[in-house]
C-alpha atoms as a PDB file:
ATOM      1  CA  MET A   1       2.976  53.103-110.611  1.00  0.00           C
ATOM      2  CA  ASP A   2       5.597  53.429-113.304  1.00  0.00           C
ATOM      3  CA  ASP A   3       7.796  50.301-113.439  1.00  0.00           C
ATOM      4  CA  ASP A   4      10.810  52.184-114.841  1.00  0.00           C
ATOM      5  CA  ILE A   5      10.664  54.670-111.975  1.00  0.00           C
ATOM      6  CA  LEU A   6      10.306  51.870-109.421  1.00  0.00           C
ATOM      7  CA  ALA A   7      13.296  50.069-110.925  1.00  0.00           C
ATOM      8  CA  ALA A   8      15.393  53.233-110.542  1.00  0.00           C
ATOM      9  CA  LEU A   9      14.166  53.744-106.972  1.00  0.00           C
ATOM     10  CA  LYS A  10      15.386  50.274-105.992  1.00  0.00           C
ATOM     11  CA  SER A  11      18.855  51.829-105.851  1.00  0.00           C
ATOM     12  CA  VAL A  12      17.740  54.054-102.940  1.00  0.00           C
ATOM     13  CA  ILE A  13      18.512  52.151 -99.743  1.00  0.00           C
ATOM     14  CA  ASP A  14      16.988  52.926 -96.352  1.00  0.00           C
ATOM     15  CA  PRO A  15      20.146  53.532 -94.282  1.00  0.00           C
ATOM     16  CA  GLU A  16      18.628  52.189 -91.071  1.00  0.00           C
ATOM     17  CA  LEU A  17      17.340  48.910 -92.491  1.00  0.00           C
ATOM     18  CA  GLY A  18      19.664  48.366 -95.457  1.00  0.00           C
ATOM     19  CA  ILE A  19      16.775  47.537 -97.820  1.00  0.00           C
ATOM     20  CA  ASN A  20      15.621  49.529-100.825  1.00  0.00           C
ATOM     21  CA  ILE A  21      12.639  51.845-100.401  1.00  0.00           C
ATOM     22  CA  VAL A  22      10.518  50.016-102.987  1.00  0.00           C
ATOM     23  CA  ASP A  23      10.783  46.617-101.281  1.00  0.00           C
ATOM     24  CA  LEU A  24      10.156  48.270 -97.913  1.00  0.00           C
ATOM     25  CA  GLY A  25       6.840  49.545 -99.268  1.00  0.00           C
ATOM     26  CA  LEU A  26       7.716  53.189 -98.675  1.00  0.00           C
ATOM     27  CA  VAL A  27       6.807  54.348-102.189  1.00  0.00           C
ATOM     28  CA  TYR A  28       3.066  55.008-102.439  1.00  0.00           C
ATOM     29  CA  ALA A  29       3.058  56.668-105.873  1.00  0.00           C
ATOM     30  CA  ALA A  30       5.527  56.923-108.756  1.00  0.00           C
ATOM     31  CA  VAL A  31       4.046  58.756-111.730  1.00  0.00           C
ATOM     32  CA  ARG A  32       5.615  60.203-114.868  1.00  0.00           C
ATOM     33  CA  THR A  33       3.868  63.279-116.278  1.00  0.00           C
ATOM     34  CA  ALA A  34       4.566  65.681-119.133  1.00  0.00           C
ATOM     35  CA  THR A  35       6.355  67.985-116.691  1.00  0.00           C
ATOM     36  CA  GLY A  36       8.308  65.452-114.654  1.00  0.00           C
ATOM     37  CA  ILE A  37       7.989  62.763-112.028  1.00  0.00           C
ATOM     38  CA  ASN A  38       5.811  62.805-108.932  1.00  0.00           C
ATOM     39  CA  ILE A  39       6.703  60.565-106.002  1.00  0.00           C
ATOM     40  CA  GLU A  40       4.684  60.001-102.850  1.00  0.00           C
ATOM     41  CA  LEU A  41       6.797  58.451-100.151  1.00  0.00           C
ATOM     42  CA  THR A  42       6.320  57.594 -96.520  1.00  0.00           C
ATOM     43  CA  MET A  43       8.729  56.791 -93.716  1.00  0.00           C
ATOM     44  CA  THR A  44       8.557  53.859 -91.327  1.00  0.00           C
ATOM     45  CA  THR A  45       7.681  56.280 -88.505  1.00  0.00           C
ATOM     46  CA  PRO A  46       6.715  59.976 -88.385  1.00  0.00           C
ATOM     47  CA  ALA A  47       9.735  60.555 -86.134  1.00  0.00           C
ATOM     48  CA  CYS A  48      12.155  59.261 -88.807  1.00  0.00           C
ATOM     49  CA  PRO A  49      14.860  61.911 -89.278  1.00  0.00           C
ATOM     50  CA  LEU A  50      15.865  60.656 -92.737  1.00  0.00           C
ATOM     51  CA  GLY A  51      12.990  62.010 -94.835  1.00  0.00           C
ATOM     52  CA  GLU A  52      14.808  65.004 -96.280  1.00  0.00           C
ATOM     53  CA  MET A  53      17.976  63.032 -96.990  1.00  0.00           C
ATOM     54  CA  MET A  54      16.036  60.265 -98.740  1.00  0.00           C
ATOM     55  CA  SER A  55      14.006  62.814-100.742  1.00  0.00           C
ATOM     56  CA  GLU A  56      17.229  64.366-102.037  1.00  0.00           C
ATOM     57  CA  GLU A  57      18.676  60.954-102.940  1.00  0.00           C
ATOM     58  CA  ILE A  58      15.469  60.075-104.804  1.00  0.00           C
ATOM     59  CA  LYS A  59      15.703  63.311-106.794  1.00  0.00           C
ATOM     60  CA  LEU A  60      19.337  62.642-107.711  1.00  0.00           C
ATOM     61  CA  VAL A  61      18.636  59.063-108.806  1.00  0.00           C
ATOM     62  CA  LEU A  62      15.615  60.022-110.902  1.00  0.00           C
ATOM     63  CA  ARG A  63      17.250  63.067-112.509  1.00  0.00           C
ATOM     64  CA  ASP A  64      20.169  60.848-113.495  1.00  0.00           C
ATOM     65  CA  ARG A  65      17.927  58.103-114.891  1.00  0.00           C
ATOM     66  CA  PHE A  66      15.405  60.447-116.585  1.00  0.00           C
ATOM     67  CA  PRO A  67      17.369  63.571-117.604  1.00  0.00           C
ATOM     68  CA  GLU A  68      14.742  64.488-120.200  1.00  0.00           C
ATOM     69  CA  LEU A  69      12.118  65.113-117.507  1.00  0.00           C
ATOM     70  CA  PRO A  70      12.499  68.630-116.094  1.00  0.00           C
ATOM     71  CA  ASP A  71      11.094  68.186-112.592  1.00  0.00           C
ATOM     72  CA  VAL A  72      11.141  65.578-109.834  1.00  0.00           C
ATOM     73  CA  ARG A  73       8.779  66.217-106.957  1.00  0.00           C
ATOM     74  CA  VAL A  74       8.901  64.133-103.788  1.00  0.00           C
ATOM     75  CA  GLU A  75       6.140  64.446-101.222  1.00  0.00           C
ATOM     76  CA  ILE A  76       6.342  62.698 -97.866  1.00  0.00           C
ATOM     77  CA  VAL A  77       2.894  61.492 -96.840  1.00  0.00           C
ATOM     78  CA  TRP A  78       1.604  59.786 -93.705  1.00  0.00           C
ATOM     79  CA  ASP A  79      -1.708  58.399 -94.904  1.00  0.00           C
ATOM     80  CA  PRO A  80      -2.008  55.507 -94.966  1.00  0.00           C
ATOM     81  CA  PRO A  81       0.501  54.861 -92.214  1.00  0.00           C
ATOM     82  CA  TRP A  82       3.322  52.507 -93.171  1.00  0.00           C
ATOM     83  CA  SER A  83       3.224  48.988 -91.792  1.00  0.00           C
ATOM     84  CA  PRO A  84       5.412  45.901 -92.282  1.00  0.00           C
ATOM     85  CA  ASP A  85       2.538  44.435 -94.343  1.00  0.00           C
ATOM     86  CA  LEU A  86       3.648  46.745 -97.188  1.00  0.00           C
ATOM     87  CA  MET A  87       7.080  45.096 -97.412  1.00  0.00           C
ATOM     88  CA  SER A  88       7.981  42.567-100.092  1.00  0.00           C
ATOM     89  CA  GLU A  89       8.404  38.938 -99.061  1.00  0.00           C
ATOM     90  CA  GLU A  90      12.141  39.184 -99.762  1.00  0.00           C
ATOM     91  CA  SER A  91      12.584  42.198 -97.472  1.00  0.00           C
ATOM     92  CA  ARG A  92      10.640  40.449 -94.703  1.00  0.00           C
ATOM     93  CA  ARG A  93      12.977  37.460 -95.025  1.00  0.00           C
ATOM     94  CA  GLN A  94      16.025  39.748 -94.896  1.00  0.00           C
ATOM     95  CA  LEU A  95      14.743  41.228 -91.640  1.00  0.00           C
ATOM     96  CA  GLY A  96      13.824  37.827 -90.190  1.00  0.00           C
ATOM     97  CA  MET A  97      10.077  38.422 -90.189  1.00  0.00           C
END
C-alpha cells in the first residue's frame, strides 16, 4: 500500500458512518504504477448503494492529489468480505465498539 495514496484517501468519508474509508478498512489495495493508480475497495455490505458515488469521489481526490498520473482505476471487490475487525482502533472508538 502506498502511504501517500492512503493519506489522500483519508479525505474520502463514508457518508453513512462519517469515518474515512481508510480507517474503516475499506481500502484493500492502493498501488501507484507507471500508468496511474489502482485502488481495490470494498463496501461494508454488498447491498451498499454508495459504491459508485465513493468510486467517483476517490477518482476526484486522487486526480487532484496526483495530477501527473494519467489514470485512476477503482475496483470494488468483495473478497475478503469486510468486517469490523478491519477498522482502526480510533474508528471503533468513534462508533462505540
